[in-house]
Amino acid sequence: MIYFDTSYLVRLYYQDPGADQVRALAATDHVACAALGQTEMMAAFHRKLREGVIKPAAYAALAKQVEVHIKAGAFHWLVQDGEILSRVRQVYRNLPASVFLRGADATHLGTAAEAGFHIVYSNDAHLLAAARHFGIEGKNVI
């Protein structure tokens, strides 16, 4: 099983730069993600709608396709619990001031680390740079 953050999940459905490489990687194993990724993915699609990048019909089709895949068990969604949140808080307590780490990215990293993943796949430079503070490696195949 491999861990994708939301930036990679979006590329499974939308032809952003690097989508072909992400899809090829996804085809090699089952994909896991923090349950939070569902919300973030829909927010990313809604942003594309809001900014006029996609039309309402395309947005509706994306939303339906995601729903079908979720119901079919296409992803392994990892629920955030107290252990994960505790780990995130501990990392923030010791995180150097120079490290930029958003809360959602920290939640992805904490979730992956607590679930025993050694690698998180993302193209988010901040998440990738912070991964080592959770004892995992961040990789970008794009």
N, C-alpha and C. Protein backbone atom coordinates (compact mmCIF):
# COMPACT_ATOMS: atom_id res chain seq x y z
N MET A 1 0.85 -1.18 0.00
CA MET A 1 0.00 0.00 0.00
C MET A 1 0.89 1.24 0.00
N ILE A 2 0.47 2.27 -0.74
CA ILE A 2 1.21 3.52 -0.82
C ILE A 2 0.34 4.67 -0.33
N TYR A 3 0.99 5.69 0.23
CA TYR A 3 0.27 6.84 0.78
C TYR A 3 0.38 8.02 -0.17
N PHE A 4 -0.77 8.54 -0.57
CA PHE A 4 -0.85 9.76 -1.38
C PHE A 4 -1.43 10.88 -0.56
N ASP A 5 -0.85 12.06 -0.68
CA ASP A 5 -1.53 13.23 -0.11
C ASP A 5 -2.55 13.71 -1.13
N THR A 6 -3.26 14.76 -0.81
CA THR A 6 -4.34 15.23 -1.67
C THR A 6 -3.86 15.71 -3.03
N SER A 7 -2.67 16.30 -3.10
CA SER A 7 -2.19 16.79 -4.40
C SER A 7 -2.08 15.64 -5.40
N TYR A 8 -1.77 14.45 -4.91
CA TYR A 8 -1.69 13.29 -5.79
C TYR A 8 -3.09 12.72 -6.07
N LEU A 9 -3.97 12.72 -5.08
CA LEU A 9 -5.34 12.23 -5.31
C LEU A 9 -6.01 13.02 -6.42
N VAL A 10 -5.84 14.33 -6.40
CA VAL A 10 -6.47 15.18 -7.42
C VAL A 10 -6.01 14.77 -8.81
N ARG A 11 -4.75 14.41 -8.95
CA ARG A 11 -4.20 14.04 -10.25
C ARG A 11 -4.74 12.70 -10.76
N LEU A 12 -5.35 11.94 -9.89
CA LEU A 12 -5.99 10.70 -10.34
C LEU A 12 -7.26 11.01 -11.14
N TYR A 13 -7.82 12.19 -10.93
CA TYR A 13 -9.09 12.57 -11.55
C TYR A 13 -8.97 13.74 -12.52
N TYR A 14 -7.96 14.53 -12.37
CA TYR A 14 -7.84 15.75 -13.17
C TYR A 14 -6.45 15.80 -13.78
N GLN A 15 -6.36 16.23 -15.01
CA GLN A 15 -5.10 16.22 -15.75
C GLN A 15 -4.22 17.42 -15.41
N ASP A 16 -3.90 17.57 -14.13
CA ASP A 16 -2.91 18.56 -13.73
C ASP A 16 -1.53 18.06 -14.15
N PRO A 17 -0.53 18.94 -14.22
CA PRO A 17 0.83 18.49 -14.57
C PRO A 17 1.28 17.34 -13.66
N GLY A 18 1.80 16.31 -14.28
CA GLY A 18 2.28 15.15 -13.54
C GLY A 18 1.24 14.06 -13.34
N ALA A 19 0.04 14.27 -13.84
CA ALA A 19 -1.03 13.29 -13.63
C ALA A 19 -0.67 11.91 -14.17
N ASP A 20 -0.02 11.84 -15.31
CA ASP A 20 0.32 10.54 -15.88
C ASP A 20 1.28 9.76 -14.98
N GLN A 21 2.27 10.46 -14.42
CA GLN A 21 3.22 9.79 -13.52
C GLN A 21 2.53 9.33 -12.24
N VAL A 22 1.63 10.15 -11.71
CA VAL A 22 0.91 9.79 -10.48
C VAL A 22 0.00 8.60 -10.74
N ARG A 23 -0.68 8.60 -11.86
CA ARG A 23 -1.57 7.48 -12.20
C ARG A 23 -0.78 6.19 -12.40
N ALA A 24 0.38 6.30 -13.00
CA ALA A 24 1.23 5.10 -13.18
C ALA A 24 1.65 4.56 -11.82
N LEU A 25 2.01 5.44 -10.90
CA LEU A 25 2.39 4.99 -9.56
C LEU A 25 1.20 4.36 -8.85
N ALA A 26 0.03 4.96 -8.96
CA ALA A 26 -1.17 4.44 -8.31
C ALA A 26 -1.51 3.03 -8.82
N ALA A 27 -1.19 2.77 -10.06
CA ALA A 27 -1.49 1.46 -10.65
C ALA A 27 -0.61 0.35 -10.08
N THR A 28 0.43 0.72 -9.33
CA THR A 28 1.35 -0.30 -8.80
C THR A 28 0.92 -0.88 -7.46
N ASP A 29 -0.05 -0.25 -6.79
CA ASP A 29 -0.41 -0.71 -5.45
C ASP A 29 -1.74 -0.07 -5.04
N HIS A 30 -2.25 -0.46 -3.88
CA HIS A 30 -3.44 0.18 -3.31
C HIS A 30 -3.03 1.54 -2.75
N VAL A 31 -3.94 2.51 -2.81
CA VAL A 31 -3.66 3.87 -2.36
C VAL A 31 -4.37 4.14 -1.04
N ALA A 32 -3.59 4.67 -0.09
CA ALA A 32 -4.13 5.09 1.20
C ALA A 32 -3.97 6.59 1.33
N CYS A 33 -4.84 7.19 2.15
CA CYS A 33 -4.78 8.62 2.41
C CYS A 33 -5.53 8.90 3.70
N ALA A 34 -5.18 9.97 4.36
CA ALA A 34 -5.96 10.42 5.52
C ALA A 34 -7.38 10.70 5.06
N ALA A 35 -8.36 10.39 5.90
CA ALA A 35 -9.76 10.65 5.56
C ALA A 35 -9.97 12.12 5.20
N LEU A 36 -9.18 12.98 5.80
CA LEU A 36 -9.20 14.41 5.49
C LEU A 36 -9.02 14.67 3.99
N GLY A 37 -8.33 13.77 3.30
CA GLY A 37 -8.08 13.93 1.87
C GLY A 37 -9.35 14.01 1.04
N GLN A 38 -10.43 13.37 1.51
CA GLN A 38 -11.70 13.45 0.78
C GLN A 38 -12.19 14.89 0.71
N THR A 39 -12.14 15.58 1.84
CA THR A 39 -12.58 16.96 1.91
C THR A 39 -11.66 17.86 1.09
N GLU A 40 -10.37 17.65 1.24
CA GLU A 40 -9.41 18.48 0.50
C GLU A 40 -9.54 18.28 -1.01
N MET A 41 -9.79 17.04 -1.44
CA MET A 41 -9.92 16.77 -2.86
C MET A 41 -11.14 17.49 -3.43
N MET A 42 -12.25 17.40 -2.74
CA MET A 42 -13.46 18.10 -3.21
C MET A 42 -13.25 19.62 -3.20
N ALA A 43 -12.54 20.12 -2.21
CA ALA A 43 -12.24 21.55 -2.16
C ALA A 43 -11.38 21.96 -3.35
N ALA A 44 -10.43 21.12 -3.75
CA ALA A 44 -9.58 21.42 -4.91
C ALA A 44 -10.42 21.45 -6.19
N PHE A 45 -11.34 20.50 -6.32
CA PHE A 45 -12.21 20.51 -7.51
C PHE A 45 -13.13 21.73 -7.49
N HIS A 46 -13.63 22.07 -6.32
CA HIS A 46 -14.52 23.23 -6.22
C HIS A 46 -13.76 24.51 -6.56
N ARG A 47 -12.49 24.57 -6.17
CA ARG A 47 -11.67 25.73 -6.52
C ARG A 47 -11.55 25.87 -8.04
N LYS A 48 -11.37 24.73 -8.72
CA LYS A 48 -11.29 24.76 -10.18
C LYS A 48 -12.61 25.27 -10.78
N LEU A 49 -13.72 24.88 -10.18
CA LEU A 49 -15.03 25.37 -10.61
C LEU A 49 -15.15 26.87 -10.36
N ARG A 50 -14.82 27.29 -9.16
CA ARG A 50 -14.92 28.69 -8.77
C ARG A 50 -14.07 29.59 -9.65
N GLU A 51 -12.88 29.11 -10.01
CA GLU A 51 -11.96 29.90 -10.83
C GLU A 51 -12.26 29.78 -12.32
N GLY A 52 -13.26 29.00 -12.68
CA GLY A 52 -13.65 28.86 -14.08
C GLY A 52 -12.77 27.92 -14.89
N VAL A 53 -11.94 27.14 -14.23
CA VAL A 53 -11.06 26.20 -14.92
C VAL A 53 -11.87 25.02 -15.47
N ILE A 54 -12.91 24.63 -14.73
CA ILE A 54 -13.81 23.59 -15.20
C ILE A 54 -15.25 24.11 -15.17
N LYS A 55 -16.07 23.54 -16.00
CA LYS A 55 -17.48 23.91 -16.09
C LYS A 55 -18.29 23.13 -15.04
N PRO A 56 -19.48 23.62 -14.71
CA PRO A 56 -20.32 22.92 -13.73
C PRO A 56 -20.57 21.44 -14.06
N ALA A 57 -20.76 21.11 -15.31
CA ALA A 57 -20.99 19.71 -15.68
C ALA A 57 -19.77 18.84 -15.38
N ALA A 58 -18.58 19.37 -15.66
CA ALA A 58 -17.35 18.62 -15.36
C ALA A 58 -17.16 18.46 -13.87
N TYR A 59 -17.48 19.51 -13.12
CA TYR A 59 -17.40 19.43 -11.66
C TYR A 59 -18.34 18.36 -11.12
N ALA A 60 -19.56 18.34 -11.63
CA ALA A 60 -20.54 17.34 -11.19
C ALA A 60 -20.06 15.93 -11.53
N ALA A 61 -19.47 15.78 -12.70
CA ALA A 61 -18.96 14.46 -13.09
C ALA A 61 -17.80 14.03 -12.21
N LEU A 62 -16.90 14.96 -11.87
CA LEU A 62 -15.79 14.64 -10.97
C LEU A 62 -16.32 14.20 -9.61
N ALA A 63 -17.27 14.96 -9.08
CA ALA A 63 -17.83 14.65 -7.77
C ALA A 63 -18.49 13.27 -7.78
N LYS A 64 -19.21 12.97 -8.84
CA LYS A 64 -19.88 11.67 -8.94
C LYS A 64 -18.86 10.54 -9.04
N GLN A 65 -17.83 10.74 -9.85
CA GLN A 65 -16.80 9.71 -10.02
C GLN A 65 -16.09 9.43 -8.70
N VAL A 66 -15.75 10.48 -7.97
CA VAL A 66 -15.10 10.31 -6.66
C VAL A 66 -16.02 9.52 -5.73
N GLU A 67 -17.29 9.88 -5.69
CA GLU A 67 -18.24 9.19 -4.83
C GLU A 67 -18.35 7.70 -5.17
N VAL A 68 -18.42 7.39 -6.46
CA VAL A 68 -18.49 6.00 -6.90
C VAL A 68 -17.24 5.24 -6.46
N HIS A 69 -16.08 5.84 -6.64
CA HIS A 69 -14.83 5.18 -6.26
C HIS A 69 -14.73 4.98 -4.74
N ILE A 70 -15.16 5.98 -3.97
CA ILE A 70 -15.13 5.84 -2.51
C ILE A 70 -16.05 4.70 -2.07
N LYS A 71 -17.25 4.66 -2.62
CA LYS A 71 -18.20 3.60 -2.26
C LYS A 71 -17.71 2.22 -2.68
N ALA A 72 -16.94 2.17 -3.77
CA ALA A 72 -16.40 0.90 -4.26
C ALA A 72 -15.15 0.46 -3.50
N GLY A 73 -14.64 1.31 -2.61
CA GLY A 73 -13.45 0.95 -1.84
C GLY A 73 -12.15 1.14 -2.60
N ALA A 74 -12.13 2.08 -3.51
CA ALA A 74 -10.92 2.30 -4.32
C ALA A 74 -9.75 2.82 -3.51
N PHE A 75 -10.04 3.43 -2.35
CA PHE A 75 -8.99 3.98 -1.50
C PHE A 75 -9.11 3.41 -0.10
N HIS A 76 -8.00 3.39 0.59
CA HIS A 76 -7.99 3.02 2.00
C HIS A 76 -7.90 4.33 2.79
N TRP A 77 -9.02 4.75 3.39
CA TRP A 77 -9.06 6.02 4.12
C TRP A 77 -8.67 5.79 5.57
N LEU A 78 -7.67 6.51 6.03
CA LEU A 78 -7.16 6.38 7.40
C LEU A 78 -7.77 7.48 8.26
N VAL A 79 -8.46 7.07 9.29
CA VAL A 79 -9.16 8.00 10.18
C VAL A 79 -8.17 8.61 11.16
N GLN A 80 -8.34 9.89 11.41
CA GLN A 80 -7.47 10.58 12.36
C GLN A 80 -8.04 10.39 13.77
N ASP A 81 -7.19 9.92 14.66
CA ASP A 81 -7.61 9.69 16.04
C ASP A 81 -6.69 10.45 16.98
N GLY A 82 -6.87 10.24 18.27
CA GLY A 82 -6.08 10.93 19.27
C GLY A 82 -4.59 10.68 19.18
N GLU A 83 -4.20 9.47 18.80
CA GLU A 83 -2.78 9.15 18.66
C GLU A 83 -2.14 9.99 17.56
N ILE A 84 -2.83 10.13 16.47
CA ILE A 84 -2.31 10.91 15.35
C ILE A 84 -2.21 12.38 15.74
N LEU A 85 -3.27 12.90 16.35
CA LEU A 85 -3.26 14.31 16.74
C LEU A 85 -2.20 14.58 17.79
N SER A 86 -1.98 13.64 18.68
CA SER A 86 -0.92 13.78 19.68
C SER A 86 0.45 13.83 19.00
N ARG A 87 0.65 12.96 18.02
CA ARG A 87 1.92 12.95 17.30
C ARG A 87 2.15 14.28 16.57
N VAL A 88 1.10 14.81 15.96
CA VAL A 88 1.21 16.09 15.25
C VAL A 88 1.57 17.19 16.24
N ARG A 89 0.90 17.21 17.39
CA ARG A 89 1.21 18.24 18.40
C ARG A 89 2.66 18.12 18.85
N GLN A 90 3.14 16.90 19.06
CA GLN A 90 4.52 16.70 19.51
C GLN A 90 5.51 17.19 18.45
N VAL A 91 5.24 16.89 17.19
CA VAL A 91 6.13 17.36 16.13
C VAL A 91 6.16 18.88 16.10
N TYR A 92 5.00 19.51 16.20
CA TYR A 92 4.97 20.98 16.21
C TYR A 92 5.74 21.55 17.39
N ARG A 93 5.68 20.90 18.54
CA ARG A 93 6.42 21.41 19.72
C ARG A 93 7.92 21.46 19.46
N ASN A 94 8.41 20.51 18.68
CA ASN A 94 9.85 20.41 18.42
C ASN A 94 10.27 20.91 17.04
N LEU A 95 9.32 21.38 16.25
CA LEU A 95 9.60 21.78 14.88
C LEU A 95 10.36 23.11 14.84
N PRO A 96 11.48 23.15 14.12
CA PRO A 96 12.21 24.41 14.00
C PRO A 96 11.32 25.50 13.41
N ALA A 97 11.53 26.71 13.84
CA ALA A 97 10.74 27.85 13.36
C ALA A 97 10.87 28.06 11.86
N SER A 98 11.93 27.57 11.28
CA SER A 98 12.16 27.76 9.85
C SER A 98 11.33 26.82 8.96
N VAL A 99 10.69 25.83 9.57
CA VAL A 99 9.92 24.85 8.79
C VAL A 99 8.49 25.33 8.63
N PHE A 100 8.05 25.46 7.37
CA PHE A 100 6.68 25.86 7.06
C PHE A 100 5.85 24.58 6.93
N LEU A 101 4.86 24.42 7.82
CA LEU A 101 4.04 23.21 7.80
C LEU A 101 2.60 23.58 8.14
N ARG A 102 1.73 23.43 7.15
CA ARG A 102 0.30 23.68 7.35
C ARG A 102 -0.31 22.54 8.17
N GLY A 103 -1.39 22.85 8.85
CA GLY A 103 -2.06 21.85 9.70
C GLY A 103 -2.53 20.63 8.93
N ALA A 104 -3.11 20.83 7.76
CA ALA A 104 -3.59 19.69 6.98
C ALA A 104 -2.43 18.82 6.52
N ASP A 105 -1.32 19.44 6.15
CA ASP A 105 -0.14 18.67 5.75
C ASP A 105 0.43 17.89 6.93
N ALA A 106 0.44 18.52 8.10
CA ALA A 106 0.90 17.82 9.30
C ALA A 106 -0.01 16.64 9.61
N THR A 107 -1.30 16.81 9.37
CA THR A 107 -2.24 15.71 9.60
C THR A 107 -1.96 14.57 8.64
N HIS A 108 -1.66 14.87 7.38
CA HIS A 108 -1.28 13.81 6.43
C HIS A 108 -0.03 13.08 6.93
N LEU A 109 0.97 13.85 7.30
CA LEU A 109 2.24 13.23 7.72
C LEU A 109 2.07 12.41 9.00
N GLY A 110 1.34 12.95 9.96
CA GLY A 110 1.08 12.22 11.20
C GLY A 110 0.28 10.95 10.95
N THR A 111 -0.70 11.04 10.08
CA THR A 111 -1.52 9.87 9.75
C THR A 111 -0.68 8.79 9.09
N ALA A 112 0.12 9.18 8.13
CA ALA A 112 0.98 8.21 7.44
C ALA A 112 1.98 7.58 8.39
N ALA A 113 2.60 8.39 9.22
CA ALA A 113 3.60 7.88 10.16
C ALA A 113 2.97 6.91 11.16
N GLU A 114 1.84 7.29 11.73
CA GLU A 114 1.17 6.42 12.72
C GLU A 114 0.69 5.12 12.10
N ALA A 115 0.36 5.14 10.80
CA ALA A 115 -0.10 3.93 10.12
C ALA A 115 1.07 3.05 9.66
N GLY A 116 2.30 3.52 9.90
CA GLY A 116 3.47 2.71 9.58
C GLY A 116 4.03 2.90 8.18
N PHE A 117 3.59 3.92 7.48
CA PHE A 117 4.16 4.19 6.16
C PHE A 117 5.56 4.79 6.32
N HIS A 118 6.44 4.45 5.40
CA HIS A 118 7.80 4.99 5.41
C HIS A 118 7.97 6.09 4.37
N ILE A 119 7.02 6.15 3.42
CA ILE A 119 7.08 7.12 2.33
C ILE A 119 5.70 7.74 2.15
N VAL A 120 5.68 9.05 1.93
CA VAL A 120 4.47 9.78 1.55
C VAL A 120 4.73 10.38 0.18
N TYR A 121 3.81 10.18 -0.75
CA TYR A 121 3.94 10.74 -2.09
C TYR A 121 3.13 12.03 -2.19
N SER A 122 3.79 13.07 -2.68
CA SER A 122 3.18 14.39 -2.78
C SER A 122 4.01 15.24 -3.73
N ASN A 123 3.42 16.32 -4.22
CA ASN A 123 4.24 17.29 -4.93
C ASN A 123 4.23 18.63 -4.18
N ASP A 124 3.77 18.61 -2.95
CA ASP A 124 3.75 19.80 -2.09
C ASP A 124 5.13 19.95 -1.46
N ALA A 125 5.86 20.97 -1.87
CA ALA A 125 7.24 21.16 -1.41
C ALA A 125 7.34 21.28 0.11
N HIS A 126 6.38 21.96 0.73
CA HIS A 126 6.43 22.13 2.19
C HIS A 126 6.20 20.80 2.91
N LEU A 127 5.23 20.03 2.44
CA LEU A 127 4.98 18.72 3.04
C LEU A 127 6.20 17.83 2.87
N LEU A 128 6.76 17.80 1.68
CA LEU A 128 7.93 16.96 1.42
C LEU A 128 9.11 17.34 2.33
N ALA A 129 9.32 18.63 2.53
CA ALA A 129 10.42 19.09 3.37
C ALA A 129 10.20 18.76 4.84
N ALA A 130 8.95 18.71 5.27
CA ALA A 130 8.63 18.46 6.68
C ALA A 130 8.54 16.97 7.01
N ALA A 131 8.46 16.12 6.01
CA ALA A 131 8.24 14.68 6.25
C ALA A 131 9.25 14.08 7.21
N ARG A 132 10.49 14.47 7.09
CA ARG A 132 11.54 13.88 7.93
C ARG A 132 11.29 14.13 9.42
N HIS A 133 10.57 15.19 9.75
CA HIS A 133 10.28 15.49 11.15
C HIS A 133 9.26 14.50 11.73
N PHE A 134 8.64 13.73 10.86
CA PHE A 134 7.71 12.67 11.28
C PHE A 134 8.36 11.30 11.15
N GLY A 135 9.63 11.28 10.77
CA GLY A 135 10.35 10.02 10.62
C GLY A 135 10.00 9.27 9.35
N ILE A 136 9.51 9.98 8.35
CA ILE A 136 9.20 9.35 7.08
C ILE A 136 9.83 10.13 5.94
N GLU A 137 9.82 9.52 4.76
CA GLU A 137 10.40 10.15 3.58
C GLU A 137 9.28 10.72 2.71
N GLY A 138 9.50 11.89 2.17
CA GLY A 138 8.59 12.46 1.21
C GLY A 138 9.14 12.29 -0.18
N LYS A 139 8.31 11.80 -1.10
CA LYS A 139 8.77 11.58 -2.48
C LYS A 139 7.80 12.22 -3.46
N ASN A 140 8.38 12.72 -4.54
CA ASN A 140 7.61 13.29 -5.62
C ASN A 140 8.04 12.61 -6.92
N VAL A 141 7.12 11.97 -7.63
CA VAL A 141 7.46 11.30 -8.88
C VAL A 141 7.23 12.19 -10.09
N ILE A 142 6.78 13.40 -9.85
CA ILE A 142 6.49 14.32 -10.96
C ILE A 142 7.77 15.04 -11.36
